[in-house]
N, C-alpha and C. Protein backbone atom coordinates (compact mmCIF):
# COMPACT_ATOMS: atom_id res chain seq x y z
N GLU A 1 17.27 11.51 -21.77
CA GLU A 1 15.79 12.19 -21.54
C GLU A 1 15.00 10.73 -21.29
N ARG A 2 13.97 10.72 -20.26
CA ARG A 2 13.76 9.68 -20.05
C ARG A 2 11.74 9.78 -19.99
N GLU A 3 11.34 8.86 -20.08
CA GLU A 3 9.63 8.98 -20.32
C GLU A 3 8.75 8.02 -19.62
N TYR A 4 8.04 8.08 -19.27
CA TYR A 4 6.63 7.57 -18.53
C TYR A 4 5.23 7.96 -18.28
N MET A 5 4.50 7.36 -18.89
CA MET A 5 3.19 7.88 -19.43
C MET A 5 2.74 9.09 -19.57
N GLY A 6 4.00 9.46 -20.60
CA GLY A 6 3.74 11.39 -21.17
C GLY A 6 4.47 12.15 -20.50
N TYR A 7 5.12 11.53 -19.36
CA TYR A 7 6.12 12.55 -18.25
C TYR A 7 7.74 12.10 -19.10
N PHE A 8 8.28 13.71 -19.10
CA PHE A 8 9.90 13.34 -19.27
C PHE A 8 10.52 14.22 -18.35
N TRP A 9 11.63 13.74 -18.17
CA TRP A 9 12.76 14.01 -17.17
C TRP A 9 14.31 13.46 -17.63
N THR A 10 15.13 13.93 -17.17
CA THR A 10 16.42 14.05 -17.63
C THR A 10 17.01 13.08 -16.04
N GLU A 11 18.20 12.36 -16.28
CA GLU A 11 18.93 11.94 -15.18
C GLU A 11 18.88 12.78 -14.19
N GLU A 12 19.59 13.80 -14.60
CA GLU A 12 19.47 14.63 -13.23
C GLU A 12 17.87 14.93 -12.49
N GLU A 13 17.59 15.20 -13.07
CA GLU A 13 15.96 15.83 -12.63
C GLU A 13 15.43 14.60 -11.46
N GLU A 14 15.66 13.12 -12.00
CA GLU A 14 15.40 11.87 -11.26
C GLU A 14 16.17 12.00 -9.88
N GLU A 15 17.08 12.35 -10.05
CA GLU A 15 17.66 12.49 -8.86
C GLU A 15 17.42 13.41 -7.58
N SER A 16 16.63 14.10 -8.11
CA SER A 16 15.83 15.49 -7.13
C SER A 16 14.22 14.88 -6.97
N PHE A 17 13.85 13.54 -7.45
CA PHE A 17 12.38 13.32 -7.20
C PHE A 17 12.26 13.10 -5.58
N GLU A 18 11.22 13.83 -5.25
CA GLU A 18 10.95 13.59 -3.95
C GLU A 18 9.47 12.66 -3.75
N ALA A 19 9.24 11.70 -2.87
CA ALA A 19 8.38 10.86 -2.98
C ALA A 19 7.45 11.55 -1.98
N GLU A 20 6.05 11.77 -2.05
CA GLU A 20 5.19 12.37 -1.19
C GLU A 20 4.79 11.12 -0.42
N ALA A 21 4.35 9.94 -0.86
CA ALA A 21 3.62 9.01 0.11
C ALA A 21 4.13 7.36 -0.79
N LEU A 22 4.17 6.32 0.24
CA LEU A 22 3.92 4.93 -0.37
C LEU A 22 2.47 4.96 0.01
N VAL A 23 2.11 4.16 -1.34
CA VAL A 23 0.59 4.25 -0.77
C VAL A 23 -0.23 2.63 -1.20
N GLY A 24 1.14 1.81 -1.62
CA GLY A 24 0.63 0.40 -1.80
C GLY A 24 2.25 -0.53 -1.86
N ARG A 25 1.72 -1.57 -1.85
CA ARG A 25 3.06 -2.62 -1.49
C ARG A 25 2.49 -4.06 -2.20
N VAL A 26 3.55 -4.43 -3.58
CA VAL A 26 3.36 -5.65 -3.84
C VAL A 26 4.36 -6.44 -3.87
N VAL A 27 4.47 -7.69 -4.18
CA VAL A 27 5.40 -8.55 -4.11
C VAL A 27 5.44 -8.84 -5.63
N ALA A 28 6.47 -8.92 -6.34
CA ALA A 28 6.12 -9.33 -7.56
C ALA A 28 6.27 -10.97 -7.63
N ASP A 29 5.55 -11.59 -8.85
CA ASP A 29 5.23 -12.73 -9.03
C ASP A 29 6.11 -13.25 -10.30
N GLY A 30 7.18 -12.33 -10.62
CA GLY A 30 7.73 -12.47 -11.88
C GLY A 30 6.94 -12.34 -13.32
N ARG A 31 5.85 -12.55 -13.33
CA ARG A 31 4.44 -12.58 -14.68
C ARG A 31 4.48 -11.16 -14.81
N ALA A 32 3.89 -10.48 -13.86
CA ALA A 32 2.85 -9.61 -14.35
C ALA A 32 3.90 -8.34 -14.31
N SER A 33 3.24 -7.07 -14.83
CA SER A 33 4.26 -5.93 -15.28
C SER A 33 3.87 -4.84 -14.31
N TYR A 34 4.59 -4.14 -13.58
CA TYR A 34 4.55 -3.01 -12.89
C TYR A 34 4.55 -1.68 -13.06
N ALA A 35 3.95 -1.20 -13.90
CA ALA A 35 4.19 -0.02 -14.41
C ALA A 35 5.52 0.41 -14.79
N ASN A 36 6.14 1.33 -14.48
CA ASN A 36 7.61 1.71 -14.80
C ASN A 36 8.76 0.83 -14.47
N GLN A 37 8.21 -0.40 -13.80
CA GLN A 37 9.31 -1.42 -13.50
C GLN A 37 8.89 -2.56 -14.76
N GLY A 38 8.02 -2.83 -15.19
CA GLY A 38 8.19 -3.85 -16.23
C GLY A 38 7.91 -5.17 -15.19
N LYS A 39 8.56 -5.93 -16.13
CA LYS A 39 8.61 -7.38 -15.06
C LYS A 39 9.61 -7.52 -14.20
N ALA A 40 8.96 -7.34 -12.94
CA ALA A 40 9.97 -7.41 -11.67
C ALA A 40 10.65 -9.16 -11.20
N ARG A 41 11.47 -9.66 -10.84
CA ARG A 41 11.94 -10.54 -10.67
C ARG A 41 10.68 -11.23 -9.66
N LYS A 42 10.80 -12.57 -9.40
CA LYS A 42 9.84 -12.80 -8.49
C LYS A 42 10.55 -12.45 -6.82
N GLY A 43 9.79 -12.14 -6.26
CA GLY A 43 9.99 -11.87 -4.86
C GLY A 43 10.38 -10.87 -4.32
N THR A 44 10.78 -10.12 -5.45
CA THR A 44 11.13 -8.24 -5.29
C THR A 44 9.91 -7.52 -5.02
N VAL A 45 10.19 -7.08 -3.65
CA VAL A 45 9.21 -5.99 -3.04
C VAL A 45 8.82 -4.79 -3.80
N LEU A 46 7.84 -4.21 -4.35
CA LEU A 46 7.93 -3.21 -4.89
C LEU A 46 6.73 -2.63 -3.95
N TYR A 47 7.32 -0.83 -4.20
CA TYR A 47 5.78 0.04 -3.43
C TYR A 47 5.63 1.06 -4.24
N ARG A 48 4.17 1.52 -4.24
CA ARG A 48 3.65 2.03 -5.11
C ARG A 48 4.16 3.71 -4.84
N ILE A 49 4.29 4.14 -5.11
CA ILE A 49 4.77 5.96 -5.09
C ILE A 49 4.17 6.79 -5.55
N VAL A 50 3.52 7.94 -5.33
CA VAL A 50 3.10 9.25 -5.24
C VAL A 50 4.05 9.84 -5.13
N TRP A 51 4.71 10.71 -6.61
CA TRP A 51 5.60 11.32 -6.33
C TRP A 51 5.03 12.81 -6.17
N LYS A 52 5.66 13.80 -5.49
CA LYS A 52 5.10 15.21 -5.32
C LYS A 52 5.29 15.92 -6.72
N ILE A 53 5.60 15.72 -7.67
CA ILE A 53 6.08 16.22 -8.97
C ILE A 53 4.87 15.74 -10.22
N TYR A 54 4.25 14.64 -9.67
CA TYR A 54 3.14 13.90 -10.45
C TYR A 54 2.16 14.03 -10.09
N PRO A 55 1.14 14.31 -10.87
CA PRO A 55 -0.45 13.57 -10.14
C PRO A 55 -0.39 12.69 -9.55
N PRO A 56 -1.46 12.50 -8.38
CA PRO A 56 -1.57 11.11 -7.71
C PRO A 56 -1.72 10.29 -8.28
N ASP A 57 -2.07 10.24 -9.73
CA ASP A 57 -2.84 8.74 -10.26
C ASP A 57 -1.90 8.21 -11.20
N THR A 58 -0.69 8.94 -11.19
CA THR A 58 0.52 8.28 -11.86
C THR A 58 0.91 7.17 -11.28
N VAL A 59 0.52 5.84 -11.85
CA VAL A 59 1.51 4.55 -10.78
C VAL A 59 2.88 4.74 -11.55
N TRP A 60 3.51 4.51 -9.81
CA TRP A 60 4.72 4.07 -10.15
C TRP A 60 5.36 3.37 -9.07
N TYR A 61 6.19 2.30 -9.65
CA TYR A 61 6.80 1.44 -8.23
C TYR A 61 8.13 1.34 -8.34
N GLU A 62 8.59 1.58 -6.90
CA GLU A 62 10.34 1.36 -6.98
C GLU A 62 10.40 0.49 -6.06
N PRO A 63 11.68 -0.78 -6.05
CA PRO A 63 11.94 -1.50 -5.12
C PRO A 63 12.39 -0.70 -4.21
N THR A 64 12.42 -1.83 -2.81
CA THR A 64 12.74 -1.01 -1.58
C THR A 64 14.60 -0.39 -1.72
N THR A 65 15.29 -0.78 -2.32
CA THR A 65 16.51 -0.55 -2.60
C THR A 65 16.26 0.78 -3.13
N ASN A 66 15.01 1.35 -3.87
CA ASN A 66 15.24 2.89 -4.37
C ASN A 66 14.69 3.32 -3.23
N LEU A 67 14.13 3.14 -2.39
CA LEU A 67 13.93 4.58 -1.60
C LEU A 67 14.11 4.34 0.07
N GLY A 68 14.20 5.56 0.72
CA GLY A 68 14.49 5.32 1.92
C GLY A 68 13.87 4.70 3.27
N SER A 69 15.03 3.89 3.85
CA SER A 69 14.57 3.30 4.82
C SER A 69 13.28 4.01 5.99
N GLY A 70 13.20 5.36 6.09
CA GLY A 70 12.43 6.16 7.12
C GLY A 70 10.90 5.93 6.00
N LEU A 71 10.84 6.06 4.87
CA LEU A 71 9.91 6.10 4.04
C LEU A 71 9.09 4.94 3.97
N VAL A 72 9.86 4.05 3.86
CA VAL A 72 9.55 2.23 4.09
C VAL A 72 8.58 2.01 5.38
N ALA A 73 9.30 2.40 6.62
CA ALA A 73 9.14 2.06 8.28
C ALA A 73 7.75 2.74 8.44
N GLU A 74 7.71 4.08 7.84
CA GLU A 74 6.60 4.99 8.15
C GLU A 74 5.26 4.33 7.21
N TYR A 75 5.56 3.90 5.99
CA TYR A 75 4.58 3.29 5.36
C TYR A 75 3.92 1.86 5.96
N GLU A 76 5.08 0.83 6.33
CA GLU A 76 4.64 -0.20 7.29
C GLU A 76 4.07 0.25 8.50
N ALA A 77 4.49 1.04 8.94
CA ALA A 77 3.79 1.39 10.48
C ALA A 77 2.39 1.58 10.53
N ARG A 78 2.39 2.35 9.39
CA ARG A 78 0.70 2.29 9.24
C ARG A 78 -0.02 2.00 8.55
N GLU A 79 0.50 0.81 8.05
CA GLU A 79 -0.26 -0.25 7.69
C GLU A 79 -0.53 -1.18 8.90
N ALA A 80 0.70 -1.17 9.70
CA ALA A 80 0.60 -2.48 10.68
C ALA A 80 -0.89 -1.98 11.61
N LYS A 81 -0.82 -0.50 11.79
CA LYS A 81 -1.46 0.28 12.85
C LYS A 81 -3.26 -0.08 11.97
N GLU A 82 -3.45 0.32 10.40
CA GLU A 82 -4.82 0.12 10.01
C GLU A 82 -5.09 -1.21 10.32
N ALA A 83 -4.38 -2.42 10.08
CA ALA A 83 -4.39 -3.62 10.03
C ALA A 83 -5.11 -4.09 11.75
N ALA A 84 -4.60 -3.40 12.48
CA ALA A 84 -5.09 -3.52 14.05
C ALA A 84 -6.22 -2.81 14.10
N ALA A 85 -6.60 -1.77 13.58
CA ALA A 85 -7.67 -0.97 13.86
C ALA A 85 -8.58 -2.19 13.29
N ASP A 86 -8.84 -2.31 12.03
CA ASP A 86 -9.34 -3.44 11.38
C ASP A 86 -9.78 -4.63 12.19
N ALA A 87 -8.98 -5.22 12.49
CA ALA A 87 -8.98 -6.37 13.42
C ALA A 87 -9.74 -6.12 14.89
N GLU A 88 -9.53 -4.68 15.38
CA GLU A 88 -10.06 -4.61 16.55
C GLU A 88 -11.79 -4.53 16.11
N ALA A 89 -12.64 -3.73 15.16
CA ALA A 89 -13.32 -3.50 14.40
C ALA A 89 -14.11 -4.85 14.32
N GLU A 90 -13.42 -5.67 13.95
CA GLU A 90 -13.45 -7.24 13.17
C GLU A 90 -14.47 -8.06 14.97
N ARG A 91 -13.52 -7.42 15.48
CA ARG A 91 -13.96 -8.33 17.42
C ARG A 91 -14.67 -7.93 17.92
N GLU A 92 -15.17 -6.31 17.81
CA GLU A 92 -16.11 -5.46 18.25
C GLU A 92 -17.67 -6.38 17.79
N GLU A 93 -17.40 -6.07 16.10
CA GLU A 93 -18.51 -6.52 15.51
C GLU A 93 -18.89 -8.06 15.80
N ALA A 94 -17.96 -8.98 16.28
CA ALA A 94 -18.08 -10.21 16.46
C ALA A 94 -18.69 -10.44 17.71
N GLU A 95 -18.36 -9.78 18.81
CA GLU A 95 -19.32 -9.44 20.28
C GLU A 95 -20.18 -8.94 19.97
N LEU A 96 -20.62 -8.21 19.40
CA LEU A 96 -21.83 -7.46 19.01
C LEU A 96 -22.84 -8.59 18.94
N ALA A 97 -22.79 -8.96 17.53
CA ALA A 97 -23.24 -10.30 17.20
C ALA A 97 -23.59 -10.93 17.86
N ALA A 98 -22.99 -11.50 18.91
CA ALA A 98 -22.88 -12.80 19.99
C ALA A 98 -23.73 -12.12 21.22
N LEU A 99 -23.61 -10.71 21.15
CA LEU A 99 -24.62 -10.40 22.10
C LEU A 99 -26.30 -10.25 21.73
N GLU A 100 -26.44 -10.13 20.48
CA GLU A 100 -27.41 -10.18 20.13
C GLU A 100 -28.29 -11.43 19.81
N ALA A 101 -27.35 -12.29 19.69
CA ALA A 101 -27.91 -13.78 19.54
C ALA A 101 -28.24 -14.23 20.63
N GLU A 102 -27.64 -13.80 21.78
CA GLU A 102 -27.59 -14.25 23.42
C GLU A 102 -29.33 -13.52 23.73
N GLU A 103 -29.25 -12.22 23.28
CA GLU A 103 -30.89 -11.91 23.46
C GLU A 103 -31.84 -12.19 22.95
N ALA A 104 -31.90 -12.51 21.77
CA ALA A 104 -32.59 -13.07 20.49
C ALA A 104 -33.41 -14.38 21.13
N ALA A 105 -32.10 -15.14 21.87
CA ALA A 105 -32.47 -16.74 22.01
C ALA A 105 -33.18 -16.35 23.55
N ALA A 106 -32.71 -15.54 24.42
CA ALA A 106 -33.55 -15.29 25.78
C ALA A 106 -35.13 -15.08 25.49
N VAL A 107 -35.00 -14.26 24.33
CA VAL A 107 -36.46 -13.53 24.35
C VAL A 107 -37.11 -14.99 23.60
N CYS A 108 -36.57 -15.43 22.87
CA CYS A 108 -37.18 -16.66 22.25
C CYS A 108 -37.84 -17.63 23.01
N GLY A 109 -36.75 -17.76 23.98
CA GLY A 109 -36.84 -18.35 25.20
C GLY A 109 -37.79 -18.79 26.01
N SER A 110 -38.34 -17.53 26.44
CA SER A 110 -39.10 -17.22 27.44
C SER A 110 -40.24 -16.94 26.95
């Protein structure tokens, strides 16, 4: 039997764990502890997981090698889409600020 944060399970149950989603990604620095993984080797990519059988606030990290490639690809695609949307929003804000500055300069110059 294994235990983490007051939850207990057997090895057989562990094989049936099903991830609901990946919700974060870290690259281990070799010094920090990562919840259930403890200190991971420097450079190891760990994904934060929400499991279907545990509450969402249960912090759990797994290395890429323990996850299905589909789950990782889905997470990375979602992150890329969010980053692109953020970049677009920043570009639009910069354009708006430039237009407002031009208008202010035109008003002050007249």
